[in-house]
Amino acid sequence: MVLSRKWAADVEAIVARRHDQGDDLWTTPDRRLAKGGPFSTLGAARLLVELGVDPAEPILVEARELIWSARREDGRFRLAPTGAHLVLSDGLCKRSFYRKEP
């Protein structure tokens, strides 16, 4: 990951916690993407992007694929075994992974 040295320790700390919820990419074993706090899949991915990590980096590509795999036919995202949300997942994907820099 090429980024400012100013944020390198923060990025390393976030990536180091990718298994804290019990599964990979900040998810729980039952694949909850938004468990609360900054160390959920949605929260950690957003923090990494905001710190300047390139969305093409493997960890963010994996997170993006995981988030998109939770998308339902009606456009909502399944963030937990039951229920669905649109705003959090869709907003993160659009603003963070597919934005164009000026």
PDB file of N, CA and C in Angstrom:
ATOM      1  N   MET A   1       0.836  -1.176   0.000  1.00  0.00           N
ATOM      2  CA  MET A   1       0.000   0.000   0.000  1.00  0.00           C
ATOM      3  C   MET A   1       0.880   1.240   0.000  1.00  0.00           C
ATOM      4  N   VAL A   2       0.707   2.046  -0.992  1.00  0.00           N
ATOM      5  CA  VAL A   2       1.455   3.285  -1.075  1.00  0.00           C
ATOM      6  C   VAL A   2       0.554   4.413  -0.587  1.00  0.00           C
ATOM      7  N   LEU A   3       0.944   5.061   0.483  1.00  0.00           N
ATOM      8  CA  LEU A   3       0.182   6.180   1.010  1.00  0.00           C
ATOM      9  C   LEU A   3       1.082   7.030   1.878  1.00  0.00           C
ATOM     10  N   SER A   4       0.562   8.127   2.294  1.00  0.00           N
ATOM     11  CA  SER A   4       1.321   9.056   3.123  1.00  0.00           C
ATOM     12  C   SER A   4       1.816   8.364   4.394  1.00  0.00           C
ATOM     13  N   ARG A   5       3.067   8.624   4.747  1.00  0.00           N
ATOM     14  CA  ARG A   5       3.603   8.050   5.992  1.00  0.00           C
ATOM     15  C   ARG A   5       2.817   8.540   7.192  1.00  0.00           C
ATOM     16  N   LYS A   6       2.198   9.691   7.049  1.00  0.00           N
ATOM     17  CA  LYS A   6       1.418  10.269   8.140  1.00  0.00           C
ATOM     18  C   LYS A   6       0.318   9.319   8.599  1.00  0.00           C
ATOM     19  N   TRP A   7      -0.277   8.593   7.682  1.00  0.00           N
ATOM     20  CA  TRP A   7      -1.410   7.720   8.009  1.00  0.00           C
ATOM     21  C   TRP A   7      -1.046   6.235   8.018  1.00  0.00           C
ATOM     22  N   ALA A   8       0.186   5.894   7.730  1.00  0.00           N
ATOM     23  CA  ALA A   8       0.582   4.486   7.614  1.00  0.00           C
ATOM     24  C   ALA A   8       0.289   3.685   8.880  1.00  0.00           C
ATOM     25  N   ALA A   9       0.584   4.234  10.040  1.00  0.00           N
ATOM     26  CA  ALA A   9       0.342   3.504  11.297  1.00  0.00           C
ATOM     27  C   ALA A   9      -1.148   3.275  11.517  1.00  0.00           C
ATOM     28  N   ASP A  10      -1.969   4.257  11.135  1.00  0.00           N
ATOM     29  CA  ASP A  10      -3.418   4.095  11.273  1.00  0.00           C
ATOM     30  C   ASP A  10      -3.934   2.990  10.363  1.00  0.00           C
ATOM     31  N   VAL A  11      -3.459   2.991   9.129  1.00  0.00           N
ATOM     32  CA  VAL A  11      -3.882   1.960   8.175  1.00  0.00           C
ATOM     33  C   VAL A  11      -3.455   0.588   8.677  1.00  0.00           C
ATOM     34  N   GLU A  12      -2.229   0.467   9.141  1.00  0.00           N
ATOM     35  CA  GLU A  12      -1.741  -0.813   9.657  1.00  0.00           C
ATOM     36  C   GLU A  12      -2.579  -1.284  10.844  1.00  0.00           C
ATOM     37  N   ALA A  13      -2.966  -0.363  11.710  1.00  0.00           N
ATOM     38  CA  ALA A  13      -3.784  -0.725  12.879  1.00  0.00           C
ATOM     39  C   ALA A  13      -5.162  -1.231  12.454  1.00  0.00           C
ATOM     40  N   ILE A  14      -5.749  -0.608  11.459  1.00  0.00           N
ATOM     41  CA  ILE A  14      -7.065  -1.043  10.967  1.00  0.00           C
ATOM     42  C   ILE A  14      -6.958  -2.415  10.323  1.00  0.00           C
ATOM     43  N   VAL A  15      -5.971  -2.595   9.463  1.00  0.00           N
ATOM     44  CA  VAL A  15      -5.795  -3.883   8.777  1.00  0.00           C
ATOM     45  C   VAL A  15      -5.490  -4.991   9.785  1.00  0.00           C
ATOM     46  N   ALA A  16      -4.741  -4.680  10.827  1.00  0.00           N
ATOM     47  CA  ALA A  16      -4.399  -5.681  11.844  1.00  0.00           C
ATOM     48  C   ALA A  16      -5.633  -6.199  12.575  1.00  0.00           C
ATOM     49  N   ARG A  17      -6.716  -5.447  12.560  1.00  0.00           N
ATOM     50  CA  ARG A  17      -7.939  -5.843  13.271  1.00  0.00           C
ATOM     51  C   ARG A  17      -8.962  -6.508  12.351  1.00  0.00           C
ATOM     52  N   ARG A  18      -8.554  -6.912  11.175  1.00  0.00           N
ATOM     53  CA  ARG A  18      -9.499  -7.452  10.195  1.00  0.00           C
ATOM     54  C   ARG A  18     -10.173  -8.749  10.638  1.00  0.00           C
ATOM     55  N   HIS A  19      -9.642  -9.419  11.661  1.00  0.00           N
ATOM     56  CA  HIS A  19     -10.241 -10.667  12.157  1.00  0.00           C
ATOM     57  C   HIS A  19     -10.909 -10.500  13.523  1.00  0.00           C
ATOM     58  N   ASP A  20     -10.970  -9.296  14.043  1.00  0.00           N
ATOM     59  CA  ASP A  20     -11.476  -9.058  15.404  1.00  0.00           C
ATOM     60  C   ASP A  20     -12.930  -9.469  15.620  1.00  0.00           C
ATOM     61  N   GLN A  21     -13.738  -9.462  14.598  1.00  0.00           N
ATOM     62  CA  GLN A  21     -15.154  -9.821  14.740  1.00  0.00           C
ATOM     63  C   GLN A  21     -15.373 -11.335  14.656  1.00  0.00           C
ATOM     64  N   GLY A  22     -14.298 -12.087  14.381  1.00  0.00           N
ATOM     65  CA  GLY A  22     -14.417 -13.538  14.346  1.00  0.00           C
ATOM     66  C   GLY A  22     -14.276 -14.154  12.969  1.00  0.00           C
ATOM     67  N   ASP A  23     -14.266 -13.337  11.930  1.00  0.00           N
ATOM     68  CA  ASP A  23     -14.086 -13.818  10.565  1.00  0.00           C
ATOM     69  C   ASP A  23     -13.196 -12.812   9.840  1.00  0.00           C
ATOM     70  N   ASP A  24     -12.950 -13.009   8.568  1.00  0.00           N
ATOM     71  CA  ASP A  24     -12.069 -12.124   7.822  1.00  0.00           C
ATOM     72  C   ASP A  24     -12.800 -10.862   7.362  1.00  0.00           C
ATOM     73  N   LEU A  25     -12.045  -9.837   7.065  1.00  0.00           N
ATOM     74  CA  LEU A  25     -12.560  -8.562   6.556  1.00  0.00           C
ATOM     75  C   LEU A  25     -13.557  -7.912   7.501  1.00  0.00           C
ATOM     76  N   TRP A  26     -13.290  -7.994   8.781  1.00  0.00           N
ATOM     77  CA  TRP A  26     -14.067  -7.318   9.818  1.00  0.00           C
ATOM     78  C   TRP A  26     -15.512  -7.810   9.904  1.00  0.00           C
ATOM     79  N   THR A  27     -15.774  -9.046   9.489  1.00  0.00           N
ATOM     80  CA  THR A  27     -17.123  -9.603   9.606  1.00  0.00           C
ATOM     81  C   THR A  27     -17.189 -10.567  10.778  1.00  0.00           C
ATOM     82  N   THR A  28     -18.412 -10.895  11.162  1.00  0.00           N
ATOM     83  CA  THR A  28     -18.644 -11.917  12.175  1.00  0.00           C
ATOM     84  C   THR A  28     -18.750 -13.262  11.459  1.00  0.00           C
ATOM     85  N   PRO A  29     -18.689 -14.374  12.179  1.00  0.00           N
ATOM     86  CA  PRO A  29     -18.820 -15.676  11.523  1.00  0.00           C
ATOM     87  C   PRO A  29     -20.124 -15.827  10.725  1.00  0.00           C
ATOM     88  N   ASP A  30     -21.180 -15.115  11.121  1.00  0.00           N
ATOM     89  CA  ASP A  30     -22.430 -15.197  10.351  1.00  0.00           C
ATOM     90  C   ASP A  30     -22.517 -14.092   9.293  1.00  0.00           C
ATOM     91  N   ARG A  31     -21.393 -13.478   8.980  1.00  0.00           N
ATOM     92  CA  ARG A  31     -21.222 -12.522   7.878  1.00  0.00           C
ATOM     93  C   ARG A  31     -21.951 -11.189   8.064  1.00  0.00           C
ATOM     94  N   ARG A  32     -21.964 -10.671   9.269  1.00  0.00           N
ATOM     95  CA  ARG A  32     -22.533  -9.333   9.495  1.00  0.00           C
ATOM     96  C   ARG A  32     -21.512  -8.308   8.997  1.00  0.00           C
ATOM     97  N   LEU A  33     -21.945  -7.453   8.113  1.00  0.00           N
ATOM     98  CA  LEU A  33     -21.052  -6.458   7.527  1.00  0.00           C
ATOM     99  C   LEU A  33     -21.031  -5.149   8.305  1.00  0.00           C
ATOM    100  N   ALA A  34     -22.034  -4.936   9.149  1.00  0.00           N
ATOM    101  CA  ALA A  34     -22.128  -3.683   9.910  1.00  0.00           C
ATOM    102  C   ALA A  34     -22.530  -4.002  11.339  1.00  0.00           C
ATOM    103  N   LYS A  35     -21.571  -4.427  12.129  1.00  0.00           N
ATOM    104  CA  LYS A  35     -21.864  -4.833  13.505  1.00  0.00           C
ATOM    105  C   LYS A  35     -21.898  -3.657  14.463  1.00  0.00           C
ATOM    106  N   GLY A  36     -21.398  -2.543  14.065  1.00  0.00           N
ATOM    107  CA  GLY A  36     -21.323  -1.382  14.946  1.00  0.00           C
ATOM    108  C   GLY A  36     -19.882  -1.041  15.244  1.00  0.00           C
ATOM    109  N   GLY A  37     -19.613   0.208  15.472  1.00  0.00           N
ATOM    110  CA  GLY A  37     -18.245   0.626  15.716  1.00  0.00           C
ATOM    111  C   GLY A  37     -17.458   0.702  14.421  1.00  0.00           C
ATOM    112  N   PRO A  38     -16.233   1.174  14.504  1.00  0.00           N
ATOM    113  CA  PRO A  38     -15.450   1.362  13.289  1.00  0.00           C
ATOM    114  C   PRO A  38     -14.906   0.069  12.688  1.00  0.00           C
ATOM    115  N   PHE A  39     -14.904  -1.006  13.447  1.00  0.00           N
ATOM    116  CA  PHE A  39     -14.285  -2.218  12.937  1.00  0.00           C
ATOM    117  C   PHE A  39     -15.309  -3.235  12.474  1.00  0.00           C
ATOM    118  N   SER A  40     -16.174  -2.784  11.597  1.00  0.00           N
ATOM    119  CA  SER A  40     -17.056  -3.654  10.836  1.00  0.00           C
ATOM    120  C   SER A  40     -16.561  -3.553   9.399  1.00  0.00           C
ATOM    121  N   THR A  41     -17.069  -4.379   8.523  1.00  0.00           N
ATOM    122  CA  THR A  41     -16.628  -4.322   7.133  1.00  0.00           C
ATOM    123  C   THR A  41     -16.855  -2.933   6.547  1.00  0.00           C
ATOM    124  N   LEU A  42     -18.056  -2.402   6.725  1.00  0.00           N
ATOM    125  CA  LEU A  42     -18.359  -1.087   6.153  1.00  0.00           C
ATOM    126  C   LEU A  42     -17.521   0.014   6.793  1.00  0.00           C
ATOM    127  N   GLY A  43     -17.398  -0.013   8.107  1.00  0.00           N
ATOM    128  CA  GLY A  43     -16.656   1.033   8.803  1.00  0.00           C
ATOM    129  C   GLY A  43     -15.175   1.006   8.489  1.00  0.00           C
ATOM    130  N   ALA A  44     -14.569  -0.166   8.521  1.00  0.00           N
ATOM    131  CA  ALA A  44     -13.132  -0.271   8.273  1.00  0.00           C
ATOM    132  C   ALA A  44     -12.793   0.081   6.828  1.00  0.00           C
ATOM    133  N   ALA A  45     -13.604  -0.388   5.886  1.00  0.00           N
ATOM    134  CA  ALA A  45     -13.352  -0.061   4.479  1.00  0.00           C
ATOM    135  C   ALA A  45     -13.440   1.446   4.259  1.00  0.00           C
ATOM    136  N   ARG A  46     -14.425   2.056   4.858  1.00  0.00           N
ATOM    137  CA  ARG A  46     -14.576   3.509   4.708  1.00  0.00           C
ATOM    138  C   ARG A  46     -13.380   4.249   5.323  1.00  0.00           C
ATOM    139  N   LEU A  47     -12.944   3.835   6.488  1.00  0.00           N
ATOM    140  CA  LEU A  47     -11.777   4.467   7.115  1.00  0.00           C
ATOM    141  C   LEU A  47     -10.537   4.346   6.234  1.00  0.00           C
ATOM    142  N   LEU A  48     -10.322   3.165   5.666  1.00  0.00           N
ATOM    143  CA  LEU A  48      -9.149   2.966   4.816  1.00  0.00           C
ATOM    144  C   LEU A  48      -9.177   3.890   3.606  1.00  0.00           C
ATOM    145  N   VAL A  49     -10.333   4.004   2.975  1.00  0.00           N
ATOM    146  CA  VAL A  49     -10.452   4.889   1.818  1.00  0.00           C
ATOM    147  C   VAL A  49     -10.223   6.339   2.235  1.00  0.00           C
ATOM    148  N   GLU A  50     -10.798   6.738   3.354  1.00  0.00           N
ATOM    149  CA  GLU A  50     -10.631   8.115   3.823  1.00  0.00           C
ATOM    150  C   GLU A  50      -9.181   8.427   4.189  1.00  0.00           C
ATOM    151  N   LEU A  51      -8.428   7.411   4.573  1.00  0.00           N
ATOM    152  CA  LEU A  51      -7.010   7.606   4.894  1.00  0.00           C
ATOM    153  C   LEU A  51      -6.123   7.593   3.651  1.00  0.00           C
ATOM    154  N   GLY A  52      -6.720   7.383   2.494  1.00  0.00           N
ATOM    155  CA  GLY A  52      -5.963   7.460   1.254  1.00  0.00           C
ATOM    156  C   GLY A  52      -5.524   6.144   0.662  1.00  0.00           C
ATOM    157  N   VAL A  53      -6.011   5.027   1.182  1.00  0.00           N
ATOM    158  CA  VAL A  53      -5.667   3.736   0.592  1.00  0.00           C
ATOM    159  C   VAL A  53      -6.358   3.642  -0.766  1.00  0.00           C
ATOM    160  N   ASP A  54      -5.610   3.258  -1.773  1.00  0.00           N
ATOM    161  CA  ASP A  54      -6.141   3.141  -3.130  1.00  0.00           C
ATOM    162  C   ASP A  54      -7.223   2.065  -3.164  1.00  0.00           C
ATOM    163  N   PRO A  55      -8.406   2.362  -3.707  1.00  0.00           N
ATOM    164  CA  PRO A  55      -9.473   1.363  -3.791  1.00  0.00           C
ATOM    165  C   PRO A  55      -9.089   0.116  -4.587  1.00  0.00           C
ATOM    166  N   ALA A  56      -7.999   0.180  -5.362  1.00  0.00           N
ATOM    167  CA  ALA A  56      -7.539  -0.983  -6.118  1.00  0.00           C
ATOM    168  C   ALA A  56      -6.669  -1.915  -5.276  1.00  0.00           C
ATOM    169  N   GLU A  57      -6.344  -1.521  -4.044  1.00  0.00           N
ATOM    170  CA  GLU A  57      -5.556  -2.389  -3.159  1.00  0.00           C
ATOM    171  C   GLU A  57      -6.343  -3.666  -2.874  1.00  0.00           C
ATOM    172  N   PRO A  58      -5.661  -4.811  -2.813  1.00  0.00           N
ATOM    173  CA  PRO A  58      -6.356  -6.090  -2.624  1.00  0.00           C
ATOM    174  C   PRO A  58      -7.333  -6.126  -1.451  1.00  0.00           C
ATOM    175  N   ILE A  59      -6.985  -5.537  -0.328  1.00  0.00           N
ATOM    176  CA  ILE A  59      -7.886  -5.608   0.829  1.00  0.00           C
ATOM    177  C   ILE A  59      -9.195  -4.866   0.557  1.00  0.00           C
ATOM    178  N   LEU A  60      -9.128  -3.748  -0.156  1.00  0.00           N
ATOM    179  CA  LEU A  60     -10.358  -3.021  -0.484  1.00  0.00           C
ATOM    180  C   LEU A  60     -11.115  -3.677  -1.628  1.00  0.00           C
ATOM    181  N   VAL A  61     -10.404  -4.325  -2.534  1.00  0.00           N
ATOM    182  CA  VAL A  61     -11.084  -5.088  -3.590  1.00  0.00           C
ATOM    183  C   VAL A  61     -11.878  -6.228  -2.948  1.00  0.00           C
ATOM    184  N   GLU A  62     -11.261  -6.932  -1.997  1.00  0.00           N
ATOM    185  CA  GLU A  62     -11.958  -8.018  -1.295  1.00  0.00           C
ATOM    186  C   GLU A  62     -13.159  -7.492  -0.523  1.00  0.00           C
ATOM    187  N   ALA A  63     -12.990  -6.367   0.157  1.00  0.00           N
ATOM    188  CA  ALA A  63     -14.107  -5.780   0.911  1.00  0.00           C
ATOM    189  C   ALA A  63     -15.232  -5.378  -0.032  1.00  0.00           C
ATOM    190  N   ARG A  64     -14.888  -4.762  -1.149  1.00  0.00           N
ATOM    191  CA  ARG A  64     -15.900  -4.360  -2.134  1.00  0.00           C
ATOM    192  C   ARG A  64     -16.655  -5.576  -2.664  1.00  0.00           C
ATOM    193  N   GLU A  65     -15.927  -6.635  -2.993  1.00  0.00           N
ATOM    194  CA  GLU A  65     -16.580  -7.848  -3.492  1.00  0.00           C
ATOM    195  C   GLU A  65     -17.493  -8.451  -2.432  1.00  0.00           C
ATOM    196  N   LEU A  66     -17.055  -8.437  -1.183  1.00  0.00           N
ATOM    197  CA  LEU A  66     -17.883  -8.951  -0.092  1.00  0.00           C
ATOM    198  C   LEU A  66     -19.159  -8.121   0.051  1.00  0.00           C
ATOM    199  N   ILE A  67     -19.022  -6.810   0.005  1.00  0.00           N
ATOM    200  CA  ILE A  67     -20.194  -5.938   0.121  1.00  0.00           C
ATOM    201  C   ILE A  67     -21.144  -6.164  -1.048  1.00  0.00           C
ATOM    202  N   TRP A  68     -20.617  -6.191  -2.266  1.00  0.00           N
ATOM    203  CA  TRP A  68     -21.491  -6.398  -3.431  1.00  0.00           C
ATOM    204  C   TRP A  68     -22.114  -7.790  -3.425  1.00  0.00           C
ATOM    205  N   SER A  69     -21.449  -8.766  -2.842  1.00  0.00           N
ATOM    206  CA  SER A  69     -22.032 -10.116  -2.783  1.00  0.00           C
ATOM    207  C   SER A  69     -23.246 -10.159  -1.868  1.00  0.00           C
ATOM    208  N   ALA A  70     -23.381  -9.150  -1.015  1.00  0.00           N
ATOM    209  CA  ALA A  70     -24.522  -9.085  -0.095  1.00  0.00           C
ATOM    210  C   ALA A  70     -25.702  -8.324  -0.700  1.00  0.00           C
ATOM    211  N   ARG A  71     -25.574  -7.884  -1.945  1.00  0.00           N
ATOM    212  CA  ARG A  71     -26.651  -7.118  -2.584  1.00  0.00           C
ATOM    213  C   ARG A  71     -27.764  -8.057  -3.020  1.00  0.00           C
ATOM    214  N   ARG A  72     -28.972  -7.642  -2.706  1.00  0.00           N
ATOM    215  CA  ARG A  72     -30.150  -8.419  -3.068  1.00  0.00           C
ATOM    216  C   ARG A  72     -30.712  -7.915  -4.394  1.00  0.00           C
ATOM    217  N   GLU A  73     -31.606  -8.701  -4.991  1.00  0.00           N
ATOM    218  CA  GLU A  73     -32.176  -8.330  -6.289  1.00  0.00           C
ATOM    219  C   GLU A  73     -32.899  -6.993  -6.257  1.00  0.00           C
ATOM    220  N   ASP A  74     -33.488  -6.644  -5.129  1.00  0.00           N
ATOM    221  CA  ASP A  74     -34.236  -5.387  -5.048  1.00  0.00           C
ATOM    222  C   ASP A  74     -33.335  -4.183  -4.767  1.00  0.00           C
ATOM    223  N   GLY A  75     -32.019  -4.391  -4.712  1.00  0.00           N
ATOM    224  CA  GLY A  75     -31.078  -3.297  -4.525  1.00  0.00           C
ATOM    225  C   GLY A  75     -30.616  -3.094  -3.098  1.00  0.00           C
ATOM    226  N   ARG A  76     -31.306  -3.689  -2.141  1.00  0.00           N
ATOM    227  CA  ARG A  76     -30.870  -3.568  -0.752  1.00  0.00           C
ATOM    228  C   ARG A  76     -29.691  -4.502  -0.509  1.00  0.00           C
ATOM    229  N   PHE A  77     -28.988  -4.246   0.583  1.00  0.00           N
ATOM    230  CA  PHE A  77     -27.850  -5.077   0.948  1.00  0.00           C
ATOM    231  C   PHE A  77     -28.159  -5.830   2.223  1.00  0.00           C
ATOM    232  N   ARG A  78     -27.806  -7.091   2.225  1.00  0.00           N
ATOM    233  CA  ARG A  78     -28.001  -7.918   3.420  1.00  0.00           C
ATOM    234  C   ARG A  78     -26.762  -7.759   4.299  1.00  0.00           C
ATOM    235  N   LEU A  79     -26.890  -6.934   5.321  1.00  0.00           N
ATOM    236  CA  LEU A  79     -25.755  -6.650   6.198  1.00  0.00           C
ATOM    237  C   LEU A  79     -25.670  -7.600   7.375  1.00  0.00           C
ATOM    238  N   ALA A  80     -26.704  -8.396   7.556  1.00  0.00           N
ATOM    239  CA  ALA A  80     -26.773  -9.368   8.644  1.00  0.00           C
ATOM    240  C   ALA A  80     -27.609 -10.538   8.136  1.00  0.00           C
ATOM    241  N   PRO A  81     -27.619 -11.651   8.868  1.00  0.00           N
ATOM    242  CA  PRO A  81     -28.390 -12.808   8.406  1.00  0.00           C
ATOM    243  C   PRO A  81     -29.867 -12.495   8.146  1.00  0.00           C
ATOM    244  N   THR A  82     -30.423 -11.522   8.855  1.00  0.00           N
ATOM    245  CA  THR A  82     -31.796 -11.100   8.584  1.00  0.00           C
ATOM    246  C   THR A  82     -31.802  -9.593   8.404  1.00  0.00           C
ATOM    247  N   GLY A  83     -32.686  -9.115   7.585  1.00  0.00           N
ATOM    248  CA  GLY A  83     -32.786  -7.685   7.341  1.00  0.00           C
ATOM    249  C   GLY A  83     -31.937  -7.257   6.162  1.00  0.00           C
ATOM    250  N   ALA A  84     -32.176  -6.031   5.719  1.00  0.00           N
ATOM    251  CA  ALA A  84     -31.414  -5.497   4.593  1.00  0.00           C
ATOM    252  C   ALA A  84     -31.400  -3.973   4.669  1.00  0.00           C
ATOM    253  N   HIS A  85     -30.361  -3.388   4.093  1.00  0.00           N
ATOM    254  CA  HIS A  85     -30.184  -1.940   4.097  1.00  0.00           C
ATOM    255  C   HIS A  85     -29.671  -1.516   2.734  1.00  0.00           C
ATOM    256  N   LEU A  86     -29.972  -0.308   2.359  1.00  0.00           N
ATOM    257  CA  LEU A  86     -29.467   0.213   1.098  1.00  0.00           C
ATOM    258  C   LEU A  86     -28.462   1.334   1.313  1.00  0.00           C
ATOM    259  N   VAL A  87     -28.794   2.267   2.132  1.00  0.00           N
ATOM    260  CA  VAL A  87     -28.029   3.502   2.236  1.00  0.00           C
ATOM    261  C   VAL A  87     -26.571   3.272   2.626  1.00  0.00           C
ATOM    262  N   LEU A  88     -26.301   2.512   3.668  1.00  0.00           N
ATOM    263  CA  LEU A  88     -24.924   2.351   4.144  1.00  0.00           C
ATOM    264  C   LEU A  88     -24.021   1.702   3.105  1.00  0.00           C
ATOM    265  N   SER A  89     -24.428   0.572   2.565  1.00  0.00           N
ATOM    266  CA  SER A  89     -23.579  -0.162   1.630  1.00  0.00           C
ATOM    267  C   SER A  89     -23.452   0.548   0.300  1.00  0.00           C
ATOM    268  N   ASP A  90     -24.569   0.964  -0.251  1.00  0.00           N
ATOM    269  CA  ASP A  90     -24.556   1.614  -1.550  1.00  0.00           C
ATOM    270  C   ASP A  90     -23.770   2.919  -1.480  1.00  0.00           C
ATOM    271  N   GLY A  91     -23.985   3.660  -0.419  1.00  0.00           N
ATOM    272  CA  GLY A  91     -23.271   4.924  -0.263  1.00  0.00           C
ATOM    273  C   GLY A  91     -21.770   4.730  -0.181  1.00  0.00           C
ATOM    274  N   LEU A  92     -21.328   3.734   0.578  1.00  0.00           N
ATOM    275  CA  LEU A  92     -19.896   3.465   0.694  1.00  0.00           C
ATOM    276  C   LEU A  92     -19.325   3.082  -0.658  1.00  0.00           C
ATOM    277  N   CYS A  93     -19.996   2.182  -1.354  1.00  0.00           N
ATOM    278  CA  CYS A  93     -19.482   1.726  -2.646  1.00  0.00           C
ATOM    279  C   CYS A  93     -19.388   2.874  -3.641  1.00  0.00           C
ATOM    280  N   LYS A  94     -20.413   3.687  -3.712  1.00  0.00           N
ATOM    281  CA  LYS A  94     -20.402   4.786  -4.684  1.00  0.00           C
ATOM    282  C   LYS A  94     -19.393   5.864  -4.321  1.00  0.00           C
ATOM    283  N   ARG A  95     -19.379   6.296  -3.072  1.00  0.00           N
ATOM    284  CA  ARG A  95     -18.497   7.397  -2.676  1.00  0.00           C
ATOM    285  C   ARG A  95     -17.041   6.972  -2.580  1.00  0.00           C
ATOM    286  N   SER A  96     -16.793   5.774  -2.164  1.00  0.00           N
ATOM    287  CA  SER A  96     -15.422   5.391  -1.859  1.00  0.00           C
ATOM    288  C   SER A  96     -14.730   4.587  -2.944  1.00  0.00           C
ATOM    289  N   PHE A  97     -15.417   3.624  -3.501  1.00  0.00           N
ATOM    290  CA  PHE A  97     -14.751   2.721  -4.429  1.00  0.00           C
ATOM    291  C   PHE A  97     -14.831   3.177  -5.881  1.00  0.00           C
ATOM    292  N   TYR A  98     -15.798   3.995  -6.215  1.00  0.00           N
ATOM    293  CA  TYR A  98     -16.003   4.354  -7.611  1.00  0.00           C
ATOM    294  C   TYR A  98     -15.939   5.849  -7.864  1.00  0.00           C
ATOM    295  N   ARG A  99     -15.382   6.590  -6.955  1.00  0.00           N
ATOM    296  CA  ARG A  99     -15.303   8.036  -7.148  1.00  0.00           C
ATOM    297  C   ARG A  99     -14.188   8.370  -8.127  1.00  0.00           C
ATOM    298  N   LYS A 100     -14.316   9.504  -8.737  1.00  0.00           N
ATOM    299  CA  LYS A 100     -13.272   9.984  -9.638  1.00  0.00           C
ATOM    300  C   LYS A 100     -12.616  11.181  -8.983  1.00  0.00           C
ATOM    301  N   GLU A 101     -11.320  11.158  -8.927  1.00  0.00           N
ATOM    302  CA  GLU A 101     -10.578  12.269  -8.340  1.00  0.00           C
ATOM    303  C   GLU A 101     -10.464  13.383  -9.366  1.00  0.00           C
ATOM    304  N   PRO A 102     -10.520  14.638  -8.915  1.00  0.00           N
ATOM    305  CA  PRO A 102     -10.395  15.757  -9.869  1.00  0.00           C
ATOM    306  C   PRO A 102      -9.013  15.816 -10.486  1.00  0.00           C
TER     307      PRO A 102
END
